Amino acid sequence: MKLIVAIIRPEKLADVKRALFQVGVTGMTLSRVSGHGGERDVVQQYRGESVVLEFHEKVRIEMACSEEFVERTIDAICEGARTGDVGDGKIFVLPLDHTVRIRTGERDNHALTAVNADEIMRQTQLEMRVPNKEDY
């Protein structure tokens, strides 16, 4: 098992979620973070003063994955998050010793399976449906 931590642009979150759901990864934790990578500092005016914004708003996604999902998860994040510009983010893959689903006491890979994965996949497919002419 691995813990995958991805830092991405906030505006790419919907694309990343869609790409992850398409490959069957539905469990994740999100948090808003600030960070500084290779981007240039942004200078803005605030109440007549120049303010240097060193840290940029980002979204941190954390997912526990079984070994078989690691590469497809990384590929999905890259597909959804990539703009080609500096600041697209980073992915960190860390070893994960144990996982326990608190509700049932299931452990490790059994605790990683999404309870409602089938429902989420159906919703994702509906959202991505190409509209017919009658839909307009």
N, C-alpha and C. Protein backbone atom coordinates (compact mmCIF):
# COMPACT_ATOMS: atom_id res chain seq x y z
N MET A 1 0.84 -1.18 0.00
CA MET A 1 0.00 0.00 0.00
C MET A 1 0.87 1.23 0.00
N LYS A 2 0.35 2.27 -0.61
CA LYS A 2 1.06 3.54 -0.68
C LYS A 2 0.11 4.67 -0.30
N LEU A 3 0.69 5.72 0.24
CA LEU A 3 -0.04 6.97 0.45
C LEU A 3 0.43 7.91 -0.64
N ILE A 4 -0.50 8.34 -1.48
CA ILE A 4 -0.17 9.26 -2.55
C ILE A 4 -0.64 10.65 -2.14
N VAL A 5 0.28 11.58 -2.16
CA VAL A 5 -0.01 12.97 -1.82
C VAL A 5 0.26 13.80 -3.06
N ALA A 6 -0.75 14.51 -3.51
CA ALA A 6 -0.60 15.36 -4.70
C ALA A 6 -0.91 16.79 -4.33
N ILE A 7 -0.07 17.69 -4.80
CA ILE A 7 -0.30 19.13 -4.62
C ILE A 7 -0.60 19.67 -6.01
N ILE A 8 -1.80 20.23 -6.19
CA ILE A 8 -2.23 20.66 -7.53
C ILE A 8 -2.80 22.08 -7.49
N ARG A 9 -3.01 22.63 -8.68
CA ARG A 9 -3.68 23.93 -8.78
C ARG A 9 -5.15 23.76 -8.39
N PRO A 10 -5.72 24.72 -7.65
CA PRO A 10 -7.13 24.59 -7.26
C PRO A 10 -8.07 24.50 -8.45
N GLU A 11 -7.77 25.22 -9.52
CA GLU A 11 -8.66 25.23 -10.68
C GLU A 11 -8.64 23.90 -11.45
N LYS A 12 -7.70 23.02 -11.14
CA LYS A 12 -7.63 21.72 -11.81
C LYS A 12 -8.25 20.59 -10.98
N LEU A 13 -8.80 20.93 -9.82
CA LEU A 13 -9.35 19.90 -8.94
C LEU A 13 -10.45 19.08 -9.62
N ALA A 14 -11.38 19.74 -10.28
CA ALA A 14 -12.48 19.00 -10.93
C ALA A 14 -11.94 18.04 -11.99
N ASP A 15 -10.95 18.47 -12.76
CA ASP A 15 -10.36 17.60 -13.79
C ASP A 15 -9.65 16.40 -13.16
N VAL A 16 -8.95 16.65 -12.06
CA VAL A 16 -8.24 15.56 -11.38
C VAL A 16 -9.23 14.56 -10.78
N LYS A 17 -10.28 15.08 -10.13
CA LYS A 17 -11.28 14.18 -9.55
C LYS A 17 -11.91 13.33 -10.64
N ARG A 18 -12.27 13.93 -11.76
CA ARG A 18 -12.89 13.20 -12.86
C ARG A 18 -11.94 12.10 -13.37
N ALA A 19 -10.67 12.44 -13.54
CA ALA A 19 -9.69 11.46 -14.03
C ALA A 19 -9.51 10.32 -13.01
N LEU A 20 -9.51 10.66 -11.73
CA LEU A 20 -9.37 9.62 -10.70
C LEU A 20 -10.60 8.71 -10.67
N PHE A 21 -11.79 9.28 -10.75
CA PHE A 21 -13.01 8.47 -10.73
C PHE A 21 -13.05 7.54 -11.93
N GLN A 22 -12.56 8.00 -13.07
CA GLN A 22 -12.57 7.16 -14.27
C GLN A 22 -11.69 5.93 -14.13
N VAL A 23 -10.64 6.02 -13.34
CA VAL A 23 -9.77 4.84 -13.14
C VAL A 23 -10.13 4.08 -11.87
N GLY A 24 -11.22 4.48 -11.21
CA GLY A 24 -11.71 3.72 -10.07
C GLY A 24 -11.17 4.15 -8.73
N VAL A 25 -10.53 5.29 -8.66
CA VAL A 25 -10.03 5.80 -7.38
C VAL A 25 -11.04 6.82 -6.87
N THR A 26 -11.71 6.48 -5.78
CA THR A 26 -12.79 7.34 -5.30
C THR A 26 -12.55 7.90 -3.90
N GLY A 27 -11.67 7.31 -3.15
CA GLY A 27 -11.45 7.78 -1.79
C GLY A 27 -10.29 8.74 -1.72
N MET A 28 -10.55 9.91 -1.19
CA MET A 28 -9.48 10.90 -1.09
C MET A 28 -9.82 11.92 -0.01
N THR A 29 -8.80 12.60 0.45
CA THR A 29 -8.96 13.68 1.40
C THR A 29 -8.36 14.93 0.78
N LEU A 30 -9.08 16.03 0.86
CA LEU A 30 -8.63 17.29 0.27
C LEU A 30 -8.38 18.32 1.35
N SER A 31 -7.41 19.16 1.12
CA SER A 31 -7.20 20.31 2.00
C SER A 31 -6.60 21.45 1.18
N ARG A 32 -6.92 22.65 1.59
CA ARG A 32 -6.36 23.83 0.94
C ARG A 32 -5.03 24.13 1.61
N VAL A 33 -4.03 24.35 0.80
CA VAL A 33 -2.70 24.65 1.33
C VAL A 33 -2.10 25.80 0.55
N SER A 34 -1.04 26.34 1.06
CA SER A 34 -0.27 27.36 0.35
C SER A 34 1.13 26.84 0.18
N GLY A 35 1.73 27.16 -0.95
CA GLY A 35 3.09 26.67 -1.16
C GLY A 35 3.84 27.50 -2.17
N HIS A 36 5.11 27.17 -2.27
CA HIS A 36 5.98 27.87 -3.19
C HIS A 36 6.89 26.86 -3.85
N GLY A 37 6.83 26.81 -5.15
CA GLY A 37 7.71 25.93 -5.91
C GLY A 37 8.54 26.75 -6.85
N GLY A 38 8.44 26.46 -8.12
CA GLY A 38 9.22 27.19 -9.10
C GLY A 38 8.53 28.42 -9.66
N GLU A 39 7.34 28.73 -9.15
CA GLU A 39 6.62 29.88 -9.69
C GLU A 39 7.30 31.18 -9.26
N ARG A 40 7.05 32.20 -10.06
CA ARG A 40 7.55 33.53 -9.71
C ARG A 40 6.63 34.15 -8.66
N ASP A 41 7.21 35.03 -7.85
CA ASP A 41 6.40 35.75 -6.88
C ASP A 41 5.42 36.65 -7.61
N VAL A 42 4.26 36.83 -7.03
CA VAL A 42 3.24 37.72 -7.59
C VAL A 42 3.20 38.97 -6.73
N VAL A 43 3.25 40.13 -7.39
CA VAL A 43 3.17 41.40 -6.67
C VAL A 43 1.79 42.00 -6.93
N GLN A 44 1.06 42.30 -5.84
CA GLN A 44 -0.26 42.90 -5.95
C GLN A 44 -0.30 44.16 -5.10
N GLN A 45 -1.27 44.97 -5.39
CA GLN A 45 -1.49 46.19 -4.61
C GLN A 45 -2.58 45.93 -3.58
N TYR A 46 -2.32 46.28 -2.33
CA TYR A 46 -3.32 46.14 -1.28
C TYR A 46 -3.29 47.41 -0.44
N ARG A 47 -4.39 48.18 -0.50
CA ARG A 47 -4.50 49.44 0.24
C ARG A 47 -3.33 50.37 -0.05
N GLY A 48 -2.97 50.44 -1.34
CA GLY A 48 -1.92 51.34 -1.77
C GLY A 48 -0.50 50.83 -1.57
N GLU A 49 -0.36 49.69 -0.99
CA GLU A 49 0.97 49.11 -0.75
C GLU A 49 1.20 47.93 -1.70
N SER A 50 2.44 47.77 -2.13
CA SER A 50 2.81 46.60 -2.90
C SER A 50 3.03 45.42 -1.97
N VAL A 51 2.39 44.32 -2.27
CA VAL A 51 2.50 43.13 -1.44
C VAL A 51 3.01 41.99 -2.32
N VAL A 52 4.07 41.34 -1.87
CA VAL A 52 4.62 40.20 -2.60
C VAL A 52 3.98 38.93 -2.08
N LEU A 53 3.29 38.23 -2.97
CA LEU A 53 2.65 36.97 -2.58
C LEU A 53 3.61 35.83 -2.90
N GLU A 54 4.32 35.39 -1.87
CA GLU A 54 5.31 34.34 -2.06
C GLU A 54 4.68 32.97 -2.21
N PHE A 55 3.58 32.75 -1.51
CA PHE A 55 2.95 31.44 -1.50
C PHE A 55 1.68 31.46 -2.35
N HIS A 56 1.50 30.41 -3.10
CA HIS A 56 0.36 30.28 -4.00
C HIS A 56 -0.64 29.29 -3.43
N GLU A 57 -1.92 29.55 -3.67
CA GLU A 57 -2.96 28.64 -3.21
C GLU A 57 -2.88 27.34 -3.99
N LYS A 58 -2.95 26.24 -3.29
CA LYS A 58 -2.91 24.91 -3.89
C LYS A 58 -3.92 24.01 -3.19
N VAL A 59 -4.18 22.86 -3.77
CA VAL A 59 -5.01 21.84 -3.14
C VAL A 59 -4.14 20.62 -2.91
N ARG A 60 -4.22 20.07 -1.71
CA ARG A 60 -3.49 18.86 -1.37
C ARG A 60 -4.48 17.70 -1.35
N ILE A 61 -4.18 16.67 -2.12
CA ILE A 61 -5.03 15.48 -2.19
C ILE A 61 -4.23 14.32 -1.60
N GLU A 62 -4.85 13.60 -0.68
CA GLU A 62 -4.20 12.43 -0.09
C GLU A 62 -5.07 11.21 -0.36
N MET A 63 -4.44 10.14 -0.84
CA MET A 63 -5.15 8.91 -1.16
C MET A 63 -4.32 7.72 -0.73
N ALA A 64 -4.95 6.78 -0.06
CA ALA A 64 -4.30 5.50 0.24
C ALA A 64 -4.68 4.54 -0.88
N CYS A 65 -3.68 3.91 -1.50
CA CYS A 65 -3.93 3.03 -2.65
C CYS A 65 -3.25 1.69 -2.44
N SER A 66 -3.91 0.66 -2.95
CA SER A 66 -3.25 -0.64 -3.03
C SER A 66 -2.23 -0.56 -4.15
N GLU A 67 -1.28 -1.47 -4.16
CA GLU A 67 -0.18 -1.42 -5.14
C GLU A 67 -0.69 -1.37 -6.57
N GLU A 68 -1.76 -2.12 -6.86
CA GLU A 68 -2.25 -2.18 -8.24
C GLU A 68 -2.83 -0.86 -8.73
N PHE A 69 -3.18 0.05 -7.83
CA PHE A 69 -3.76 1.33 -8.23
C PHE A 69 -2.75 2.48 -8.26
N VAL A 70 -1.52 2.23 -7.83
CA VAL A 70 -0.56 3.34 -7.70
C VAL A 70 -0.27 4.01 -9.04
N GLU A 71 0.10 3.26 -10.04
CA GLU A 71 0.48 3.87 -11.33
C GLU A 71 -0.70 4.53 -12.02
N ARG A 72 -1.87 3.87 -11.98
CA ARG A 72 -3.03 4.49 -12.63
C ARG A 72 -3.47 5.75 -11.90
N THR A 73 -3.25 5.79 -10.59
CA THR A 73 -3.57 6.99 -9.82
C THR A 73 -2.62 8.13 -10.22
N ILE A 74 -1.35 7.83 -10.31
CA ILE A 74 -0.36 8.85 -10.71
C ILE A 74 -0.67 9.36 -12.12
N ASP A 75 -0.96 8.43 -13.04
CA ASP A 75 -1.28 8.84 -14.42
C ASP A 75 -2.53 9.72 -14.47
N ALA A 76 -3.54 9.35 -13.68
CA ALA A 76 -4.78 10.13 -13.68
C ALA A 76 -4.55 11.53 -13.13
N ILE A 77 -3.76 11.64 -12.07
CA ILE A 77 -3.47 12.98 -11.51
C ILE A 77 -2.72 13.82 -12.54
N CYS A 78 -1.73 13.23 -13.18
CA CYS A 78 -0.97 13.97 -14.20
C CYS A 78 -1.88 14.41 -15.34
N GLU A 79 -2.75 13.51 -15.78
CA GLU A 79 -3.66 13.84 -16.88
C GLU A 79 -4.59 15.00 -16.50
N GLY A 80 -5.12 14.95 -15.28
CA GLY A 80 -6.08 15.98 -14.87
C GLY A 80 -5.44 17.29 -14.46
N ALA A 81 -4.21 17.25 -13.96
CA ALA A 81 -3.61 18.45 -13.38
C ALA A 81 -2.67 19.19 -14.32
N ARG A 82 -2.25 18.56 -15.39
CA ARG A 82 -1.21 19.15 -16.24
C ARG A 82 -1.74 20.30 -17.10
N THR A 83 -1.04 21.44 -16.99
CA THR A 83 -1.28 22.55 -17.91
C THR A 83 -0.06 22.78 -18.79
N GLY A 84 1.09 22.28 -18.33
CA GLY A 84 2.34 22.49 -19.04
C GLY A 84 3.11 23.70 -18.53
N ASP A 85 2.53 24.42 -17.59
CA ASP A 85 3.18 25.61 -17.04
C ASP A 85 3.80 25.29 -15.68
N VAL A 86 4.75 26.12 -15.28
CA VAL A 86 5.34 25.99 -13.95
C VAL A 86 4.22 26.16 -12.92
N GLY A 87 4.23 25.30 -11.90
CA GLY A 87 3.23 25.40 -10.85
C GLY A 87 2.13 24.37 -10.95
N ASP A 88 2.28 23.39 -11.85
CA ASP A 88 1.26 22.34 -11.96
C ASP A 88 1.20 21.47 -10.72
N GLY A 89 2.31 21.38 -9.98
CA GLY A 89 2.27 20.65 -8.72
C GLY A 89 3.23 19.49 -8.66
N LYS A 90 3.07 18.69 -7.61
CA LYS A 90 3.94 17.54 -7.37
C LYS A 90 3.11 16.38 -6.86
N ILE A 91 3.65 15.19 -7.04
CA ILE A 91 3.05 13.97 -6.49
C ILE A 91 4.12 13.28 -5.66
N PHE A 92 3.75 12.93 -4.44
CA PHE A 92 4.66 12.21 -3.56
C PHE A 92 4.04 10.84 -3.27
N VAL A 93 4.83 9.80 -3.38
CA VAL A 93 4.36 8.44 -3.10
C VAL A 93 5.13 7.93 -1.89
N LEU A 94 4.39 7.62 -0.84
CA LEU A 94 5.00 7.22 0.43
C LEU A 94 4.56 5.81 0.80
N PRO A 95 5.42 5.04 1.46
CA PRO A 95 4.98 3.73 1.94
C PRO A 95 3.91 3.88 3.01
N LEU A 96 2.98 2.94 3.02
CA LEU A 96 1.89 2.96 4.00
C LEU A 96 1.84 1.59 4.66
N ASP A 97 2.09 1.53 5.95
CA ASP A 97 2.19 0.26 6.64
C ASP A 97 0.83 -0.40 6.87
N HIS A 98 -0.12 0.35 7.40
CA HIS A 98 -1.42 -0.22 7.74
C HIS A 98 -2.53 0.78 7.50
N THR A 99 -3.70 0.25 7.19
CA THR A 99 -4.91 1.05 7.09
C THR A 99 -6.02 0.31 7.83
N VAL A 100 -6.83 1.03 8.55
CA VAL A 100 -7.95 0.42 9.28
C VAL A 100 -9.20 1.25 9.01
N ARG A 101 -10.27 0.59 8.52
CA ARG A 101 -11.56 1.27 8.39
C ARG A 101 -12.20 1.25 9.78
N ILE A 102 -12.38 2.38 10.35
CA ILE A 102 -12.84 2.47 11.74
C ILE A 102 -14.22 1.84 11.92
N ARG A 103 -15.13 2.06 10.96
CA ARG A 103 -16.50 1.57 11.10
C ARG A 103 -16.58 0.05 11.22
N THR A 104 -15.79 -0.65 10.40
CA THR A 104 -15.91 -2.11 10.35
C THR A 104 -14.74 -2.85 10.98
N GLY A 105 -13.64 -2.16 11.16
CA GLY A 105 -12.44 -2.81 11.66
C GLY A 105 -11.63 -3.49 10.56
N GLU A 106 -12.09 -3.38 9.29
CA GLU A 106 -11.35 -3.97 8.18
C GLU A 106 -9.97 -3.33 8.12
N ARG A 107 -9.02 -4.14 7.64
CA ARG A 107 -7.64 -3.66 7.62
C ARG A 107 -7.03 -3.74 6.23
N ASP A 108 -6.03 -2.92 6.05
CA ASP A 108 -5.19 -2.89 4.85
C ASP A 108 -6.01 -2.79 3.57
N ASN A 109 -5.79 -3.64 2.57
CA ASN A 109 -6.47 -3.49 1.28
C ASN A 109 -7.99 -3.54 1.40
N HIS A 110 -8.51 -4.34 2.31
CA HIS A 110 -9.97 -4.41 2.50
C HIS A 110 -10.52 -3.07 2.98
N ALA A 111 -9.72 -2.33 3.70
CA ALA A 111 -10.16 -1.03 4.20
C ALA A 111 -10.05 0.05 3.14
N LEU A 112 -9.37 -0.22 2.02
CA LEU A 112 -9.19 0.79 0.97
C LEU A 112 -10.31 0.79 -0.04
N THR A 113 -11.04 -0.29 -0.17
CA THR A 113 -12.10 -0.37 -1.17
C THR A 113 -13.19 0.62 -0.83
N ALA A 114 -13.55 1.44 -1.82
CA ALA A 114 -14.59 2.43 -1.59
C ALA A 114 -15.93 1.75 -1.36
N VAL A 115 -16.67 2.21 -0.39
CA VAL A 115 -17.97 1.64 -0.07
C VAL A 115 -18.95 1.89 -1.20
N ASN A 116 -18.87 3.06 -1.82
CA ASN A 116 -19.83 3.42 -2.86
C ASN A 116 -19.13 3.63 -4.20
N ALA A 117 -18.10 2.87 -4.50
CA ALA A 117 -17.33 3.07 -5.73
C ALA A 117 -18.19 2.92 -6.97
N ASP A 118 -19.10 1.93 -7.01
CA ASP A 118 -19.95 1.73 -8.19
C ASP A 118 -20.84 2.94 -8.43
N GLU A 119 -21.43 3.47 -7.37
CA GLU A 119 -22.30 4.64 -7.51
C GLU A 119 -21.52 5.85 -8.03
N ILE A 120 -20.33 6.06 -7.51
CA ILE A 120 -19.51 7.18 -7.95
C ILE A 120 -19.13 7.03 -9.42
N MET A 121 -18.81 5.81 -9.85
CA MET A 121 -18.47 5.58 -11.25
C MET A 121 -19.66 5.90 -12.15
N ARG A 122 -20.87 5.49 -11.74
CA ARG A 122 -22.08 5.79 -12.53
C ARG A 122 -22.29 7.29 -12.64
N GLN A 123 -22.13 8.02 -11.55
CA GLN A 123 -22.31 9.47 -11.57
C GLN A 123 -21.28 10.14 -12.47
N THR A 124 -20.05 9.66 -12.42
CA THR A 124 -19.00 10.23 -13.25
C THR A 124 -19.30 10.01 -14.72
N GLN A 125 -19.78 8.82 -15.06
CA GLN A 125 -20.12 8.54 -16.45
C GLN A 125 -21.28 9.41 -16.91
N LEU A 126 -22.25 9.67 -16.03
CA LEU A 126 -23.36 10.54 -16.39
C LEU A 126 -22.89 11.97 -16.61
N GLU A 127 -21.98 12.45 -15.76
CA GLU A 127 -21.46 13.81 -15.90
C GLU A 127 -20.68 13.98 -17.19
N MET A 128 -20.03 12.92 -17.62
CA MET A 128 -19.17 13.01 -18.80
C MET A 128 -19.90 12.66 -20.09
N ARG A 129 -21.21 12.36 -20.00
CA ARG A 129 -21.99 11.98 -21.17
C ARG A 129 -22.00 13.13 -22.17
N VAL A 130 -21.80 12.80 -23.43
CA VAL A 130 -21.84 13.80 -24.48
C VAL A 130 -23.30 14.14 -24.74
N PRO A 131 -23.67 15.43 -24.65
CA PRO A 131 -25.08 15.79 -24.83
C PRO A 131 -25.54 15.58 -26.27
N ASN A 132 -26.80 15.14 -26.41
CA ASN A 132 -27.41 15.01 -27.73
C ASN A 132 -27.96 16.36 -28.16
N LYS A 133 -28.35 16.47 -29.43
CA LYS A 133 -28.93 17.72 -29.92
C LYS A 133 -30.24 18.01 -29.20
N GLU A 134 -30.98 16.94 -28.77
CA GLU A 134 -32.24 17.14 -28.06
C GLU A 134 -32.03 17.78 -26.69
N ASP A 135 -30.80 17.67 -26.15
CA ASP A 135 -30.51 18.24 -24.85
C ASP A 135 -30.40 19.77 -24.89
N TYR A 136 -30.27 20.33 -26.09
CA TYR A 136 -30.10 21.78 -26.18
C TYR A 136 -31.41 22.49 -26.26
